[in-house]
């Protein structure tokens, strides 16, 4: 489980400059950007905040994401 303190400071690396880049935790396995809808997987309790990784899932609806994520 990702600590709340970390979740409070994490932002989408694409949106943080122009928007808030706020992220929503989805089923303890994904972070979904409120602005661009990129989805960042959480693997072994570590958020993978690479733009390329988040972009892979931008067109996937949250309910269709694999739980747990495989990268």
N, C-alpha and C. Protein backbone atom coordinates (compact mmCIF):
# COMPACT_ATOMS: atom_id res chain seq x y z
N UNK A 1 0.84 -1.18 0.00
CA UNK A 1 0.00 0.00 0.00
C UNK A 1 0.88 1.25 0.00
N UNK A 2 0.57 2.19 -0.85
CA UNK A 2 1.33 3.43 -0.95
C UNK A 2 0.92 4.35 0.20
N UNK A 3 1.90 4.94 0.85
CA UNK A 3 1.62 5.81 1.99
C UNK A 3 0.87 7.07 1.55
N UNK A 4 -0.05 7.50 2.40
CA UNK A 4 -0.85 8.69 2.11
C UNK A 4 0.02 9.91 1.90
N UNK A 5 1.11 10.04 2.64
CA UNK A 5 2.00 11.19 2.49
C UNK A 5 2.58 11.26 1.08
N UNK A 6 2.90 10.11 0.51
CA UNK A 6 3.42 10.08 -0.86
C UNK A 6 2.32 10.43 -1.85
N UNK A 7 1.14 9.89 -1.65
CA UNK A 7 0.03 10.19 -2.55
C UNK A 7 -0.31 11.68 -2.55
N UNK A 8 -0.13 12.32 -1.42
CA UNK A 8 -0.44 13.75 -1.31
C UNK A 8 0.50 14.62 -2.13
N UNK A 9 1.72 14.16 -2.38
CA UNK A 9 2.68 14.99 -3.11
C UNK A 9 2.88 14.58 -4.57
N UNK A 10 2.48 13.36 -4.92
CA UNK A 10 2.65 12.90 -6.31
C UNK A 10 1.73 13.67 -7.24
N UNK A 11 2.25 13.99 -8.43
CA UNK A 11 1.50 14.67 -9.48
C UNK A 11 1.84 14.04 -10.82
N UNK A 12 0.94 14.15 -11.77
CA UNK A 12 1.19 13.65 -13.11
C UNK A 12 2.34 14.45 -13.71
N UNK A 13 3.40 13.78 -14.20
CA UNK A 13 4.54 14.51 -14.74
C UNK A 13 4.22 15.27 -16.02
N UNK A 14 3.13 14.95 -16.70
CA UNK A 14 2.75 15.66 -17.91
C UNK A 14 1.99 16.94 -17.56
N UNK A 15 1.11 16.86 -16.60
CA UNK A 15 0.17 17.95 -16.31
C UNK A 15 0.62 18.90 -15.20
N UNK A 16 1.62 18.56 -14.46
CA UNK A 16 1.97 19.33 -13.28
C UNK A 16 2.35 20.78 -13.60
N UNK A 17 2.90 21.05 -14.77
CA UNK A 17 3.32 22.42 -15.11
C UNK A 17 2.15 23.32 -15.47
N UNK A 18 1.16 22.79 -16.19
CA UNK A 18 0.05 23.61 -16.66
C UNK A 18 -1.20 23.50 -15.80
N UNK A 19 -1.40 22.36 -15.21
CA UNK A 19 -2.57 22.12 -14.36
C UNK A 19 -2.07 21.62 -13.00
N UNK A 20 -2.96 21.21 -12.19
CA UNK A 20 -2.54 20.69 -10.89
C UNK A 20 -1.93 19.29 -11.01
N UNK A 21 -2.36 18.54 -12.01
CA UNK A 21 -1.83 17.19 -12.19
C UNK A 21 -2.22 16.25 -11.07
N UNK A 22 -3.34 16.53 -10.44
CA UNK A 22 -3.79 15.71 -9.31
C UNK A 22 -4.07 14.28 -9.77
N UNK A 23 -3.76 13.35 -8.90
CA UNK A 23 -3.94 11.93 -9.18
C UNK A 23 -4.97 11.32 -8.23
N UNK A 24 -5.77 10.41 -8.77
CA UNK A 24 -6.75 9.69 -7.98
C UNK A 24 -6.32 8.24 -7.89
N UNK A 25 -6.32 7.71 -6.69
CA UNK A 25 -5.97 6.30 -6.48
C UNK A 25 -7.15 5.43 -6.90
N UNK A 26 -6.86 4.43 -7.76
CA UNK A 26 -7.90 3.53 -8.24
C UNK A 26 -7.56 2.12 -7.80
N UNK A 27 -8.40 1.55 -6.95
CA UNK A 27 -8.29 0.18 -6.47
C UNK A 27 -6.89 -0.17 -5.94
N UNK A 28 -6.26 0.78 -5.30
CA UNK A 28 -4.94 0.56 -4.68
C UNK A 28 -3.89 0.08 -5.67
N UNK A 29 -4.17 0.17 -6.99
CA UNK A 29 -3.26 -0.38 -8.00
C UNK A 29 -2.87 0.60 -9.10
N UNK A 30 -3.60 1.69 -9.22
CA UNK A 30 -3.35 2.66 -10.29
C UNK A 30 -3.52 4.08 -9.76
N UNK A 31 -2.77 5.01 -10.36
CA UNK A 31 -2.98 6.43 -10.13
C UNK A 31 -3.47 7.02 -11.44
N UNK A 32 -4.63 7.65 -11.41
CA UNK A 32 -5.25 8.20 -12.62
C UNK A 32 -5.19 9.72 -12.54
N UNK A 33 -4.63 10.35 -13.59
CA UNK A 33 -4.54 11.80 -13.64
C UNK A 33 -5.93 12.39 -13.88
N UNK A 34 -6.30 13.37 -13.06
CA UNK A 34 -7.60 14.02 -13.20
C UNK A 34 -7.68 14.88 -14.45
N UNK A 35 -6.53 15.30 -14.99
CA UNK A 35 -6.51 16.18 -16.16
C UNK A 35 -6.43 15.41 -17.48
N UNK A 36 -5.41 14.60 -17.66
CA UNK A 36 -5.16 13.97 -18.96
C UNK A 36 -5.59 12.51 -19.04
N UNK A 37 -6.00 11.94 -17.92
CA UNK A 37 -6.45 10.55 -17.83
C UNK A 37 -5.35 9.51 -18.08
N UNK A 38 -4.08 9.91 -17.97
CA UNK A 38 -3.01 8.91 -18.00
C UNK A 38 -3.14 8.08 -16.72
N UNK A 39 -2.77 6.80 -16.84
CA UNK A 39 -2.87 5.90 -15.71
C UNK A 39 -1.50 5.33 -15.40
N UNK A 40 -1.07 5.53 -14.16
CA UNK A 40 0.25 5.09 -13.72
C UNK A 40 0.08 3.89 -12.79
N UNK A 41 0.71 2.76 -13.14
CA UNK A 41 0.56 1.56 -12.32
C UNK A 41 1.35 1.66 -11.01
N UNK A 42 0.88 0.96 -10.02
CA UNK A 42 1.59 0.82 -8.75
C UNK A 42 2.04 -0.64 -8.68
N UNK A 43 3.35 -0.84 -8.70
CA UNK A 43 3.92 -2.18 -8.72
C UNK A 43 4.75 -2.38 -7.46
N UNK A 44 4.44 -3.40 -6.68
CA UNK A 44 5.13 -3.66 -5.41
C UNK A 44 5.14 -2.43 -4.52
N UNK A 45 3.99 -1.75 -4.45
CA UNK A 45 3.79 -0.55 -3.63
C UNK A 45 4.61 0.65 -4.09
N UNK A 46 5.10 0.63 -5.34
CA UNK A 46 5.88 1.74 -5.88
C UNK A 46 5.17 2.28 -7.13
N UNK A 47 4.75 3.55 -7.11
CA UNK A 47 4.12 4.12 -8.29
C UNK A 47 5.15 4.27 -9.42
N UNK A 48 4.78 3.81 -10.61
CA UNK A 48 5.65 3.94 -11.78
C UNK A 48 5.20 5.20 -12.52
N UNK A 49 5.91 6.31 -12.27
CA UNK A 49 5.49 7.62 -12.75
C UNK A 49 6.20 8.03 -14.04
N UNK A 50 6.51 7.08 -14.89
CA UNK A 50 7.12 7.39 -16.18
C UNK A 50 6.04 7.80 -17.17
N UNK A 51 6.27 8.87 -17.91
CA UNK A 51 5.28 9.36 -18.86
C UNK A 51 4.92 8.28 -19.87
N UNK A 52 5.93 7.55 -20.35
CA UNK A 52 5.66 6.49 -21.33
C UNK A 52 4.71 5.44 -20.77
N UNK A 53 4.89 5.12 -19.50
CA UNK A 53 4.05 4.10 -18.87
C UNK A 53 2.62 4.61 -18.73
N UNK A 54 2.46 5.83 -18.27
CA UNK A 54 1.12 6.41 -18.13
C UNK A 54 0.41 6.55 -19.46
N UNK A 55 1.17 6.85 -20.51
CA UNK A 55 0.58 7.03 -21.84
C UNK A 55 0.06 5.73 -22.43
N UNK A 56 0.62 4.61 -22.03
CA UNK A 56 0.15 3.31 -22.55
C UNK A 56 -1.32 3.09 -22.25
N UNK A 57 -1.78 3.64 -21.15
CA UNK A 57 -3.12 3.34 -20.64
C UNK A 57 -4.09 4.51 -20.77
N UNK A 58 -3.71 5.58 -21.48
CA UNK A 58 -4.52 6.79 -21.52
C UNK A 58 -5.92 6.53 -22.10
N UNK A 59 -6.05 5.62 -23.05
CA UNK A 59 -7.35 5.35 -23.67
C UNK A 59 -8.12 4.21 -23.01
N UNK A 60 -7.56 3.63 -21.95
CA UNK A 60 -8.20 2.52 -21.25
C UNK A 60 -9.05 3.06 -20.09
N UNK A 61 -10.29 2.66 -20.04
CA UNK A 61 -11.15 3.06 -18.93
C UNK A 61 -10.64 2.42 -17.64
N UNK A 62 -10.70 3.13 -16.52
CA UNK A 62 -10.20 2.58 -15.26
C UNK A 62 -10.75 1.20 -14.93
N UNK A 63 -12.02 0.97 -15.20
CA UNK A 63 -12.61 -0.33 -14.87
C UNK A 63 -12.07 -1.47 -15.74
N UNK A 64 -11.37 -1.13 -16.83
CA UNK A 64 -10.77 -2.14 -17.70
C UNK A 64 -9.29 -2.37 -17.44
N UNK A 65 -8.73 -1.67 -16.45
CA UNK A 65 -7.32 -1.84 -16.13
C UNK A 65 -7.09 -3.17 -15.42
N UNK A 66 -5.95 -3.75 -15.68
CA UNK A 66 -5.59 -5.04 -15.06
C UNK A 66 -5.22 -4.82 -13.59
N UNK A 67 -5.80 -5.62 -12.71
CA UNK A 67 -5.51 -5.56 -11.29
C UNK A 67 -4.97 -6.92 -10.87
N UNK A 68 -3.77 -7.03 -10.35
CA UNK A 68 -2.74 -5.98 -10.24
C UNK A 68 -2.11 -5.71 -11.59
N UNK A 69 -1.51 -4.51 -11.74
CA UNK A 69 -0.89 -4.15 -13.02
C UNK A 69 0.31 -5.02 -13.35
N UNK A 70 0.48 -5.28 -14.61
CA UNK A 70 1.68 -5.96 -15.10
C UNK A 70 2.36 -5.03 -16.08
N UNK A 71 3.64 -4.76 -15.85
CA UNK A 71 4.37 -3.91 -16.80
C UNK A 71 5.52 -4.66 -17.40
